[in-house]
Amino acid sequence: MSRIQYFVAASLDGFIATPTDDLDWLLQFDGFEGGEDSYNGFMAGVGCIVMGGETYAWLMEHEPGKWPYAGTPSYVFTHHEYRAPDGADITFVRGDVGEFIADFRRSAGGRNIWVVGGGNLAAQFANAGLLDEVILSVIPVVLGQGKRLLPLKGPTPPLQLAASRTLGRGVVELRYLLPAAGDNVT
């Protein structure tokens, strides 16, 4: 069955973007050793992409007319009216994430579902007990403030560390499994 994964990079203090959605702090790390291999290995298992409207708007502003996920069915949660770039397989939706799980799984075709972002959308999956895994690249930068990695309603049960590795330029990749809804992981 498809796993729902949040593959994301965050600052050492747990932010995925500045308050103004600036990612220069992250983009300065483009090309770090192991980063491309990690991304390509992850993407090989992805069959469907889900993102929030702010993430979509950022992509459209910074990659105008270009869709970086060509050939992969994508869903965008938004209350705004957007137009998809030519050739992109994008469905715009609104509502509770749980309403669309069957659609995501069908689109993924047995492969994994990537919650690209943002943190608020990933938190909706987690709060609904639908997020299976967080794959986090910790970037050695402190932002001090910004958009939180995973703004949940409250504490989670302990997550299970499935893997960790050090990549280039001091980046650490952590892979955590989330307990299934109702599980009590100790």
C-alpha atoms as a PDB file:
ATOM      1  CA  MET A   1       0.000   0.000   0.000  1.00  0.00           C
ATOM      2  CA  SER A   2       1.119   3.557  -0.638  1.00  0.00           C
ATOM      3  CA  ARG A   3       2.918   5.295   2.200  1.00  0.00           C
ATOM      4  CA  ILE A   4       2.199   8.970   2.837  1.00  0.00           C
ATOM      5  CA  GLN A   5       5.551  10.698   3.276  1.00  0.00           C
ATOM      6  CA  TYR A   6       6.601  14.227   4.194  1.00  0.00           C
ATOM      7  CA  PHE A   7      10.034  14.673   2.556  1.00  0.00           C
ATOM      8  CA  VAL A   8      11.258  18.083   3.661  1.00  0.00           C
ATOM      9  CA  ALA A   9      14.227  20.225   4.634  1.00  0.00           C
ATOM     10  CA  ALA A  10      14.208  22.410   7.734  1.00  0.00           C
ATOM     11  CA  SER A  11      16.570  24.687   9.590  1.00  0.00           C
ATOM     12  CA  LEU A  12      18.216  23.457  12.762  1.00  0.00           C
ATOM     13  CA  ASP A  13      15.515  25.297  14.741  1.00  0.00           C
ATOM     14  CA  GLY A  14      12.634  23.647  12.865  1.00  0.00           C
ATOM     15  CA  PHE A  15      11.535  26.092  10.168  1.00  0.00           C
ATOM     16  CA  ILE A  16      10.901  25.241   6.501  1.00  0.00           C
ATOM     17  CA  ALA A  17      10.839  28.861   5.303  1.00  0.00           C
ATOM     18  CA  THR A  18      11.238  32.374   6.615  1.00  0.00           C
ATOM     19  CA  PRO A  19       8.059  34.277   7.569  1.00  0.00           C
ATOM     20  CA  THR A  20       8.045  35.720   4.008  1.00  0.00           C
ATOM     21  CA  ASP A  21       8.575  32.298   2.340  1.00  0.00           C
ATOM     22  CA  ASP A  22      12.197  33.082   1.501  1.00  0.00           C
ATOM     23  CA  LEU A  23      14.229  29.943   0.814  1.00  0.00           C
ATOM     24  CA  ASP A  24      17.627  31.514   0.072  1.00  0.00           C
ATOM     25  CA  TRP A  25      18.954  29.977   3.307  1.00  0.00           C
ATOM     26  CA  LEU A  26      18.125  26.538   1.847  1.00  0.00           C
ATOM     27  CA  LEU A  27      18.985  27.180  -1.788  1.00  0.00           C
ATOM     28  CA  GLN A  28      22.561  28.038  -0.816  1.00  0.00           C
ATOM     29  CA  PHE A  29      22.941  24.304  -0.086  1.00  0.00           C
ATOM     30  CA  ASP A  30      21.930  23.170  -3.604  1.00  0.00           C
ATOM     31  CA  GLY A  31      24.272  20.512  -4.855  1.00  0.00           C
ATOM     32  CA  PHE A  32      25.506  19.288  -1.455  1.00  0.00           C
ATOM     33  CA  GLU A  33      27.048  15.823  -1.506  1.00  0.00           C
ATOM     34  CA  GLY A  34      24.395  13.119  -1.289  1.00  0.00           C
ATOM     35  CA  GLY A  35      21.470  15.530  -1.729  1.00  0.00           C
ATOM     36  CA  GLU A  36      20.709  14.658  -5.345  1.00  0.00           C
ATOM     37  CA  ASP A  37      21.045  10.923  -4.683  1.00  0.00           C
ATOM     38  CA  SER A  38      18.693  11.220  -1.703  1.00  0.00           C
ATOM     39  CA  TYR A  39      16.112  13.143  -3.747  1.00  0.00           C
ATOM     40  CA  ASN A  40      16.338  10.856  -6.784  1.00  0.00           C
ATOM     41  CA  GLY A  41      16.077   7.733  -4.614  1.00  0.00           C
ATOM     42  CA  PHE A  42      13.046   9.184  -2.859  1.00  0.00           C
ATOM     43  CA  MET A  43      11.355  10.267  -6.097  1.00  0.00           C
ATOM     44  CA  ALA A  44      11.794   6.785  -7.601  1.00  0.00           C
ATOM     45  CA  GLY A  45       9.146   5.598  -5.134  1.00  0.00           C
ATOM     46  CA  VAL A  46       6.713   8.518  -5.544  1.00  0.00           C
ATOM     47  CA  GLY A  47       3.523   8.007  -7.533  1.00  0.00           C
ATOM     48  CA  CYS A  48       1.502  11.038  -6.411  1.00  0.00           C
ATOM     49  CA  ILE A  49       2.279  14.497  -5.060  1.00  0.00           C
ATOM     50  CA  VAL A  50       0.163  16.596  -2.687  1.00  0.00           C
ATOM     51  CA  MET A  51       0.927  20.212  -1.770  1.00  0.00           C
ATOM     52  CA  GLY A  52      -0.661  23.307  -0.336  1.00  0.00           C
ATOM     53  CA  GLY A  53      -1.556  26.421  -2.267  1.00  0.00           C
ATOM     54  CA  GLU A  54       1.312  28.499  -0.855  1.00  0.00           C
ATOM     55  CA  THR A  55       3.842  25.892  -1.975  1.00  0.00           C
ATOM     56  CA  TYR A  56       2.232  25.819  -5.412  1.00  0.00           C
ATOM     57  CA  ALA A  57       2.279  29.634  -5.654  1.00  0.00           C
ATOM     58  CA  TRP A  58       5.977  29.671  -4.646  1.00  0.00           C
ATOM     59  CA  LEU A  59       6.799  27.129  -7.359  1.00  0.00           C
ATOM     60  CA  MET A  60       4.891  29.102  -9.985  1.00  0.00           C
ATOM     61  CA  GLU A  61       6.653  32.326  -8.974  1.00  0.00           C
ATOM     62  CA  HIS A  62      10.129  30.800  -8.930  1.00  0.00           C
ATOM     63  CA  GLU A  63       9.714  28.327 -11.820  1.00  0.00           C
ATOM     64  CA  PRO A  64       7.299  30.212 -14.118  1.00  0.00           C
ATOM     65  CA  GLY A  65       5.669  28.065 -16.779  1.00  0.00           C
ATOM     66  CA  LYS A  66       7.658  25.036 -15.650  1.00  0.00           C
ATOM     67  CA  TRP A  67       6.305  22.125 -13.642  1.00  0.00           C
ATOM     68  CA  PRO A  68       9.058  20.237 -11.812  1.00  0.00           C
ATOM     69  CA  TYR A  69       6.932  17.092 -11.355  1.00  0.00           C
ATOM     70  CA  ALA A  70       5.998  16.318 -14.960  1.00  0.00           C
ATOM     71  CA  GLY A  71       4.450  12.893 -15.361  1.00  0.00           C
ATOM     72  CA  THR A  72       3.445  12.609 -11.693  1.00  0.00           C
ATOM     73  CA  PRO A  73      -0.208  13.164 -10.750  1.00  0.00           C
ATOM     74  CA  SER A  74      -0.384  16.100  -8.337  1.00  0.00           C
ATOM     75  CA  TYR A  75      -3.030  17.576  -6.058  1.00  0.00           C
ATOM     76  CA  VAL A  76      -2.993  21.149  -4.751  1.00  0.00           C
ATOM     77  CA  PHE A  77      -5.082  22.127  -1.724  1.00  0.00           C
ATOM     78  CA  THR A  78      -6.128  25.731  -2.249  1.00  0.00           C
ATOM     79  CA  HIS A  79      -8.941  28.233  -1.915  1.00  0.00           C
ATOM     80  CA  HIS A  80      -7.559  30.288  -4.827  1.00  0.00           C
ATOM     81  CA  GLU A  81      -8.160  29.867  -8.517  1.00  0.00           C
ATOM     82  CA  TYR A  82      -4.969  28.751 -10.243  1.00  0.00           C
ATOM     83  CA  ARG A  83      -4.160  27.575 -13.727  1.00  0.00           C
ATOM     84  CA  ALA A  84      -1.919  24.546 -14.173  1.00  0.00           C
ATOM     85  CA  PRO A  85       1.147  24.844 -16.429  1.00  0.00           C
ATOM     86  CA  ASP A  86       0.769  23.161 -19.816  1.00  0.00           C
ATOM     87  CA  GLY A  87       1.263  19.410 -19.628  1.00  0.00           C
ATOM     88  CA  ALA A  88       1.042  19.239 -15.821  1.00  0.00           C
ATOM     89  CA  ASP A  89      -1.275  16.620 -14.294  1.00  0.00           C
ATOM     90  CA  ILE A  90      -2.641  18.797 -11.461  1.00  0.00           C
ATOM     91  CA  THR A  91      -5.985  18.614  -9.680  1.00  0.00           C
ATOM     92  CA  PHE A  92      -6.939  21.566  -7.478  1.00  0.00           C
ATOM     93  CA  VAL A  93      -8.937  20.564  -4.398  1.00  0.00           C
ATOM     94  CA  ARG A  94     -10.320  22.029  -1.199  1.00  0.00           C
ATOM     95  CA  GLY A  95     -11.561  20.350   1.904  1.00  0.00           C
ATOM     96  CA  ASP A  96     -10.341  17.864   4.476  1.00  0.00           C
ATOM     97  CA  VAL A  97      -7.315  15.775   3.447  1.00  0.00           C
ATOM     98  CA  GLY A  98      -9.132  12.599   4.507  1.00  0.00           C
ATOM     99  CA  GLU A  99     -11.769  13.140   1.807  1.00  0.00           C
ATOM    100  CA  PHE A 100      -9.181  12.598  -0.918  1.00  0.00           C
ATOM    101  CA  ILE A 101      -7.087   9.683   0.396  1.00  0.00           C
ATOM    102  CA  ALA A 102      -8.676   7.180  -1.991  1.00  0.00           C
ATOM    103  CA  ASP A 103      -7.959   9.544  -4.916  1.00  0.00           C
ATOM    104  CA  PHE A 104      -4.317   9.952  -3.843  1.00  0.00           C
ATOM    105  CA  ARG A 105      -3.825   6.204  -3.485  1.00  0.00           C
ATOM    106  CA  ARG A 106      -5.475   5.512  -6.843  1.00  0.00           C
ATOM    107  CA  SER A 107      -3.315   8.151  -8.545  1.00  0.00           C
ATOM    108  CA  ALA A 108      -0.171   6.787  -6.859  1.00  0.00           C
ATOM    109  CA  GLY A 109      -0.775   3.364  -8.404  1.00  0.00           C
ATOM    110  CA  GLY A 110       0.766   1.464  -5.479  1.00  0.00           C
ATOM    111  CA  ARG A 111       3.669   3.890  -5.118  1.00  0.00           C
ATOM    112  CA  ASN A 112       4.119   6.461  -2.342  1.00  0.00           C
ATOM    113  CA  ILE A 113       2.368   9.790  -1.828  1.00  0.00           C
ATOM    114  CA  TRP A 114       4.636  12.784  -1.199  1.00  0.00           C
ATOM    115  CA  VAL A 115       3.257  15.629   0.885  1.00  0.00           C
ATOM    116  CA  VAL A 116       5.569  18.305  -0.528  1.00  0.00           C
ATOM    117  CA  GLY A 117       4.405  21.032   1.795  1.00  0.00           C
ATOM    118  CA  GLY A 118       3.817  23.103   3.487  1.00  0.00           C
ATOM    119  CA  GLY A 119       3.976  22.310   7.126  1.00  0.00           C
ATOM    120  CA  ASN A 120       0.320  23.145   7.724  1.00  0.00           C
ATOM    121  CA  LEU A 121      -0.795  20.607   5.120  1.00  0.00           C
ATOM    122  CA  ALA A 122       1.562  17.937   6.488  1.00  0.00           C
ATOM    123  CA  ALA A 123       0.161  18.645   9.967  1.00  0.00           C
ATOM    124  CA  GLN A 124      -3.369  18.045   8.669  1.00  0.00           C
ATOM    125  CA  PHE A 125      -2.283  14.591   7.467  1.00  0.00           C
ATOM    126  CA  ALA A 126      -0.554  13.897  10.797  1.00  0.00           C
ATOM    127  CA  ASN A 127      -3.506  15.119  12.889  1.00  0.00           C
ATOM    128  CA  ALA A 128      -5.793  12.827  10.873  1.00  0.00           C
ATOM    129  CA  GLY A 129      -3.485   9.852  11.520  1.00  0.00           C
ATOM    130  CA  LEU A 130      -2.670   9.633   7.800  1.00  0.00           C
ATOM    131  CA  LEU A 131       1.012  10.596   7.720  1.00  0.00           C
ATOM    132  CA  ASP A 132       3.238   7.507   7.736  1.00  0.00           C
ATOM    133  CA  GLU A 133       6.718   8.941   7.558  1.00  0.00           C
ATOM    134  CA  VAL A 134       8.757  12.136   7.883  1.00  0.00           C
ATOM    135  CA  ILE A 135      12.017  12.274   5.943  1.00  0.00           C
ATOM    136  CA  LEU A 136      13.776  15.374   7.220  1.00  0.00           C
ATOM    137  CA  SER A 137      16.986  16.953   6.001  1.00  0.00           C
ATOM    138  CA  VAL A 138      18.243  19.143   8.834  1.00  0.00           C
ATOM    139  CA  ILE A 139      20.081  22.104   7.306  1.00  0.00           C
ATOM    140  CA  PRO A 140      22.794  23.621   9.540  1.00  0.00           C
ATOM    141  CA  VAL A 141      21.283  27.111   9.629  1.00  0.00           C
ATOM    142  CA  VAL A 142      19.309  28.820  12.400  1.00  0.00           C
ATOM    143  CA  LEU A 143      16.474  31.058  11.174  1.00  0.00           C
ATOM    144  CA  GLY A 144      15.060  32.213  14.506  1.00  0.00           C
ATOM    145  CA  GLN A 145      11.536  32.420  13.125  1.00  0.00           C
ATOM    146  CA  GLY A 146       9.496  31.318  10.161  1.00  0.00           C
ATOM    147  CA  LYS A 147       7.107  28.663   8.909  1.00  0.00           C
ATOM    148  CA  ARG A 148       7.178  25.678  11.258  1.00  0.00           C
ATOM    149  CA  LEU A 149       8.160  22.198  10.106  1.00  0.00           C
ATOM    150  CA  LEU A 150       5.056  20.466  11.442  1.00  0.00           C
ATOM    151  CA  PRO A 151       2.660  22.696  13.402  1.00  0.00           C
ATOM    152  CA  LEU A 152       0.652  20.006  15.181  1.00  0.00           C
ATOM    153  CA  LYS A 153      -2.169  20.441  17.678  1.00  0.00           C
ATOM    154  CA  GLY A 154      -0.174  18.791  20.467  1.00  0.00           C
ATOM    155  CA  PRO A 155       2.582  16.371  21.261  1.00  0.00           C
ATOM    156  CA  THR A 156       2.799  13.107  19.349  1.00  0.00           C
ATOM    157  CA  PRO A 157       3.652   9.723  20.759  1.00  0.00           C
ATOM    158  CA  PRO A 158       7.356   9.022  20.237  1.00  0.00           C
ATOM    159  CA  LEU A 159       8.278   8.609  16.578  1.00  0.00           C
ATOM    160  CA  GLN A 160      10.404   5.661  15.513  1.00  0.00           C
ATOM    161  CA  LEU A 161      13.776   6.519  13.990  1.00  0.00           C
ATOM    162  CA  ALA A 162      14.039   4.275  10.917  1.00  0.00           C
ATOM    163  CA  ALA A 163      17.290   5.679   9.474  1.00  0.00           C
ATOM    164  CA  SER A 164      19.765   8.512   9.728  1.00  0.00           C
ATOM    165  CA  ARG A 165      22.739   9.583   7.699  1.00  0.00           C
ATOM    166  CA  THR A 166      25.092  12.493   7.358  1.00  0.00           C
ATOM    167  CA  LEU A 167      25.236  14.144   3.951  1.00  0.00           C
ATOM    168  CA  GLY A 168      27.559  16.854   2.677  1.00  0.00           C
ATOM    169  CA  ARG A 169      27.992  20.338   4.169  1.00  0.00           C
ATOM    170  CA  GLY A 170      26.730  19.219   7.583  1.00  0.00           C
ATOM    171  CA  VAL A 171      23.244  18.201   6.417  1.00  0.00           C
ATOM    172  CA  VAL A 172      21.728  15.304   8.376  1.00  0.00           C
ATOM    173  CA  GLU A 173      18.879  13.235   6.951  1.00  0.00           C
ATOM    174  CA  LEU A 174      16.507  11.646   9.468  1.00  0.00           C
ATOM    175  CA  ARG A 175      13.746   9.186   8.602  1.00  0.00           C
ATOM    176  CA  TYR A 176      10.979   8.810  11.201  1.00  0.00           C
ATOM    177  CA  LEU A 177       7.948   6.539  11.161  1.00  0.00           C
ATOM    178  CA  LEU A 178       4.809   7.951  12.746  1.00  0.00           C
ATOM    179  CA  PRO A 179       2.617   5.698  14.854  1.00  0.00           C
ATOM    180  CA  ALA A 180      -0.640   4.680  13.210  1.00  0.00           C
ATOM    181  CA  ALA A 181      -3.728   6.335  14.631  1.00  0.00           C
ATOM    182  CA  GLY A 182      -4.403   4.737  17.987  1.00  0.00           C
ATOM    183  CA  ASP A 183      -0.952   3.140  18.290  1.00  0.00           C
ATOM    184  CA  ASN A 184       1.006   3.784  21.437  1.00  0.00           C
ATOM    185  CA  VAL A 185       4.660   3.613  20.459  1.00  0.00           C
ATOM    186  CA  THR A 186       7.130   3.311  23.317  1.00  0.00           C
END
